[in-house]
Amino acid sequence: MLASHNRYKYSGIDTRPTYRWPGGKSLAVYVALNTEHFPFGAPGGIDLDRETKPWSQRSWLWREYGNRVGGWRLAALFDDLALNVGLIINSESYEHCPDLVARFRARGDEMIGQGLSNGTERPIDMDEATERRMVREVTAAMHAADGVKPVGWLSPYLTPSLVTTDLLVESGYEYLLDWGICDEQPFWVKGGGGRTCPYPTRSSSTTSRPSWAAGTRRRSTRIC
């Protein structure tokens, strides 16, 4: 038999019971926006629509546009739509573009951890002690800045290690986006002596898949 993660059992979507969301709704929608910061002059970041090339100033500036312009325009759009979002954020962004972070915080949006930076060492390349320290530092920085501990997490590059789930559950994270690539509905994943709930996401773009069909057991009512 092939090696397994042993964190959840297989479940085909057509074999699951049908449930309703709060209020009898049959569909839930969430919007998550990535806010990231990269070191200048060093390799980091991937090009999702093409082969990733070596570092260039053009590539760095293209990403920086989101912090200087794109994020602000999206915040205004979300204001017009009266729509709260989840901000998936590198902790380095709190120092690099604090005004942008404050803009979304003032809207009441939820901050979702995404490591120190998407341009530094990936979790899958860290040893356990290094990753544990990274999770602790990111969590503390976000808690200090936002006044509340983050409860959601997406690993940088979507590259969790074999122990990432355990470390995050032990640190009190209630939901992860790392495992959600394999489904269109949230489900339970074991880790760190407890369990956590992966939300659906996709690695083919920087936006998470926005719809969940009914038929899911959920602990939280965190629905935008």
Protein backbone atom coordinates (compact mmCIF):
# COMPACT_ATOMS: atom_id res chain seq x y z
CA MET A 1 0.00 0.00 0.00
CA LEU A 2 1.25 3.49 -0.82
CA ALA A 3 2.27 5.90 1.90
CA SER A 4 -0.56 8.08 3.24
CA HIS A 5 -0.82 11.25 5.30
CA ASN A 6 -3.39 9.53 7.59
CA ARG A 7 -5.02 12.87 8.32
CA TYR A 8 -8.43 12.29 6.71
CA LYS A 9 -10.34 9.57 4.91
CA TYR A 10 -11.30 9.63 1.26
CA SER A 11 -14.78 11.03 0.57
CA GLY A 12 -16.38 11.32 -2.88
CA ILE A 13 -18.48 14.45 -3.22
CA ASP A 14 -21.57 12.63 -4.54
CA THR A 15 -21.59 10.22 -1.58
CA ARG A 16 -21.89 12.89 1.13
CA PRO A 17 -25.06 13.86 2.98
CA THR A 18 -26.63 17.16 2.01
CA TYR A 19 -26.64 19.88 4.64
CA ARG A 20 -27.71 23.48 4.67
CA TRP A 21 -25.67 26.50 5.70
CA PRO A 22 -26.96 28.88 8.39
CA GLY A 23 -30.22 30.46 7.30
CA GLY A 24 -31.06 27.51 5.06
CA LYS A 25 -28.66 28.64 2.34
CA SER A 26 -27.33 26.11 -0.16
CA LEU A 27 -24.20 28.01 -1.19
CA ALA A 28 -21.47 29.85 0.71
CA VAL A 29 -19.06 32.34 -0.84
CA TYR A 30 -15.81 33.79 0.42
CA VAL A 31 -13.25 36.13 -1.09
CA ALA A 32 -9.59 36.00 -0.06
CA LEU A 33 -6.98 38.50 -1.21
CA ASN A 34 -3.22 37.87 -1.04
CA THR A 35 -1.00 40.71 0.22
CA GLU A 36 2.67 39.80 -0.10
CA HIS A 37 6.11 41.38 0.15
CA PHE A 38 9.31 40.13 -1.49
CA PRO A 39 13.00 40.94 -0.90
CA PHE A 40 14.52 43.16 -3.58
CA GLY A 41 17.33 41.66 -5.61
CA ALA A 42 16.85 38.11 -4.34
CA PRO A 43 15.09 35.12 -5.92
CA GLY A 44 11.55 34.59 -4.71
CA GLY A 45 8.02 34.38 -5.97
CA ILE A 46 6.62 32.32 -8.80
CA ASP A 47 4.95 33.23 -12.08
CA LEU A 48 1.73 31.23 -12.14
CA ASP A 49 0.97 31.92 -15.80
CA ARG A 50 4.41 31.08 -17.22
CA GLU A 51 7.76 29.48 -16.44
CA THR A 52 9.29 31.21 -13.43
CA LYS A 53 12.36 33.19 -14.46
CA PRO A 54 15.33 34.39 -12.37
CA TRP A 55 14.80 37.53 -10.28
CA SER A 56 14.30 40.76 -12.20
CA GLN A 57 13.35 44.28 -11.22
CA ARG A 58 10.34 44.09 -13.53
CA SER A 59 9.00 41.04 -11.72
CA TRP A 60 9.51 42.65 -8.30
CA LEU A 61 7.80 45.87 -9.40
CA TRP A 62 4.90 43.95 -10.88
CA ARG A 63 4.24 42.46 -7.44
CA GLU A 64 4.79 45.79 -5.69
CA TYR A 65 2.02 47.33 -7.81
CA GLY A 66 -0.46 45.35 -5.73
CA ASN A 67 0.77 46.96 -2.51
CA ARG A 68 0.90 50.50 -3.91
CA VAL A 69 -2.19 50.55 -6.14
CA GLY A 70 -4.07 47.31 -6.68
CA GLY A 71 -4.85 46.58 -3.04
CA TRP A 72 -6.25 50.08 -2.52
CA ARG A 73 -8.50 49.84 -5.55
CA LEU A 74 -9.77 46.46 -4.45
CA ALA A 75 -10.52 47.83 -0.97
CA ALA A 76 -12.62 50.57 -2.58
CA LEU A 77 -14.41 47.97 -4.70
CA PHE A 78 -15.16 45.84 -1.63
CA ASP A 79 -16.50 48.98 0.07
CA ASP A 80 -18.86 49.56 -2.84
CA LEU A 81 -20.02 45.94 -2.64
CA ALA A 82 -20.32 46.04 1.18
CA LEU A 83 -18.28 42.83 1.14
CA ASN A 84 -15.87 41.68 3.83
CA VAL A 85 -12.87 39.63 2.71
CA GLY A 86 -10.02 37.61 4.16
CA LEU A 87 -6.59 39.22 3.77
CA ILE A 88 -3.96 36.49 3.32
CA ILE A 89 -0.88 38.36 4.42
CA ASN A 90 2.86 38.00 4.93
CA SER A 91 3.92 39.37 8.31
CA GLU A 92 6.60 41.42 6.52
CA SER A 93 3.77 43.38 4.89
CA TYR A 94 2.90 44.88 8.27
CA GLU A 95 6.15 46.86 8.14
CA HIS A 96 6.42 47.31 4.37
CA CYS A 97 2.92 48.64 3.67
CA PRO A 98 1.26 49.32 7.05
CA ASP A 99 -1.20 51.82 5.57
CA LEU A 100 -2.62 49.16 3.25
CA VAL A 101 -2.94 46.69 6.12
CA ALA A 102 -4.67 49.36 8.21
CA ARG A 103 -7.08 50.06 5.35
CA PHE A 104 -8.34 46.49 5.38
CA ARG A 105 -8.24 46.24 9.17
CA ALA A 106 -10.47 49.32 9.43
CA ARG A 107 -12.99 47.58 7.17
CA GLY A 108 -13.22 44.74 9.70
CA ASP A 109 -11.60 42.20 7.38
CA GLU A 110 -10.01 39.06 8.78
CA MET A 111 -6.22 38.70 8.65
CA ILE A 112 -5.02 35.26 7.53
CA GLY A 113 -1.39 34.28 8.18
CA GLN A 114 0.93 33.54 5.27
CA GLY A 115 4.38 33.26 6.79
CA LEU A 116 7.04 35.95 6.83
CA SER A 117 7.27 36.45 3.06
CA ASN A 118 6.65 34.57 -0.16
CA GLY A 119 10.19 35.46 -1.17
CA THR A 120 12.07 33.72 1.64
CA GLU A 121 12.61 30.11 2.70
CA ARG A 122 9.63 27.84 2.03
CA PRO A 123 8.14 25.79 4.89
CA ILE A 124 8.79 22.57 2.97
CA ASP A 125 12.52 23.40 3.04
CA MET A 126 12.67 24.20 6.77
CA ASP A 127 13.51 21.83 9.58
CA GLU A 128 10.85 21.52 12.27
CA ALA A 129 12.54 23.85 14.74
CA THR A 130 12.91 26.59 12.13
CA GLU A 131 9.32 26.28 10.98
CA ARG A 132 8.01 26.26 14.55
CA ARG A 133 9.91 29.47 15.21
CA MET A 134 8.56 31.03 12.01
CA VAL A 135 4.95 30.20 12.95
CA ARG A 136 5.49 31.60 16.44
CA GLU A 137 7.03 34.84 15.14
CA VAL A 138 4.37 35.41 12.48
CA THR A 139 1.55 34.71 14.93
CA ALA A 140 3.03 37.07 17.53
CA ALA A 141 3.58 39.86 15.00
CA MET A 142 0.03 39.65 13.69
CA HIS A 143 -1.43 39.46 17.19
CA ALA A 144 0.50 42.54 18.26
CA ALA A 145 -0.53 44.54 15.20
CA ASP A 146 -4.18 43.48 14.94
CA GLY A 147 -5.06 42.98 18.59
CA VAL A 148 -6.36 39.46 17.90
CA LYS A 149 -4.58 36.21 17.13
CA PRO A 150 -4.99 34.94 13.57
CA VAL A 151 -6.96 31.70 13.25
CA GLY A 152 -6.48 31.03 9.52
CA TRP A 153 -3.31 30.17 7.57
CA LEU A 154 -2.04 29.64 4.03
CA SER A 155 1.57 28.48 3.69
CA PRO A 156 3.78 30.62 1.44
CA TYR A 157 3.83 29.22 -2.11
CA LEU A 158 1.31 26.62 -0.88
CA THR A 159 4.34 24.54 0.19
CA PRO A 160 3.63 23.21 3.70
CA SER A 161 6.02 20.70 5.22
CA LEU A 162 4.98 17.32 6.60
CA VAL A 163 4.56 18.90 10.07
CA THR A 164 3.00 22.26 9.16
CA THR A 165 -0.53 21.10 10.03
CA ASP A 166 0.60 19.83 13.44
CA LEU A 167 2.43 23.05 14.26
CA LEU A 168 -0.53 25.21 13.28
CA VAL A 169 -3.10 23.16 15.22
CA GLU A 170 -0.82 23.30 18.27
CA SER A 171 -0.64 27.09 17.81
CA GLY A 172 -4.43 27.43 17.85
CA TYR A 173 -5.20 27.85 14.14
CA GLU A 174 -8.78 26.83 13.38
CA TYR A 175 -8.65 26.57 9.60
CA LEU A 176 -6.02 26.10 6.88
CA LEU A 177 -6.07 26.74 3.15
CA ASP A 178 -3.18 24.35 2.43
CA TRP A 179 -5.27 21.17 2.18
CA GLY A 180 -8.24 22.71 0.39
CA ILE A 181 -6.83 22.19 -3.11
CA CYS A 182 -8.34 18.69 -3.20
CA ASP A 183 -11.99 19.60 -2.60
CA GLU A 184 -14.80 22.09 -3.14
CA GLN A 185 -16.10 21.81 0.43
CA PRO A 186 -14.44 22.20 3.82
CA PHE A 187 -13.57 18.99 5.67
CA TRP A 188 -11.77 17.94 8.85
CA VAL A 189 -8.04 17.19 8.93
CA LYS A 190 -6.26 15.69 11.93
CA GLY A 191 -3.12 17.31 13.31
CA GLY A 192 -1.28 18.32 16.46
CA GLY A 193 -3.46 16.21 18.74
CA GLY A 194 -6.63 17.84 17.41
CA ARG A 195 -8.14 18.78 14.07
CA THR A 196 -8.50 21.73 11.74
CA CYS A 197 -10.79 22.67 8.88
CA PRO A 198 -9.29 23.24 5.41
CA TYR A 199 -11.14 25.74 3.25
CA PRO A 200 -11.16 25.23 -0.53
CA THR A 201 -8.49 27.12 -2.44
CA ARG A 202 -6.70 26.84 -5.76
CA SER A 203 -3.01 27.11 -6.64
CA SER A 204 -3.66 28.12 -10.26
CA SER A 205 -4.41 31.72 -9.27
CA THR A 206 -4.02 34.03 -6.30
CA THR A 207 -7.73 34.02 -5.60
CA SER A 208 -9.48 31.25 -3.73
CA ARG A 209 -12.31 29.32 -5.33
CA PRO A 210 -15.32 31.32 -4.15
CA SER A 211 -18.17 28.82 -3.83
CA TRP A 212 -18.95 25.89 -1.56
CA ALA A 213 -21.94 23.68 -2.27
CA ALA A 214 -24.07 22.59 0.66
CA GLY A 215 -23.25 19.20 2.14
CA THR A 216 -20.49 20.17 4.54
CA ARG A 217 -20.11 19.84 8.29
CA ARG A 218 -18.60 23.00 9.76
CA ARG A 219 -17.75 24.22 13.22
CA SER A 220 -17.61 27.89 12.31
CA THR A 221 -20.15 30.28 10.84
CA ARG A 222 -17.42 32.42 9.30
CA ILE A 223 -19.31 33.16 6.07
CA CYS A 224 -18.83 36.46 4.24
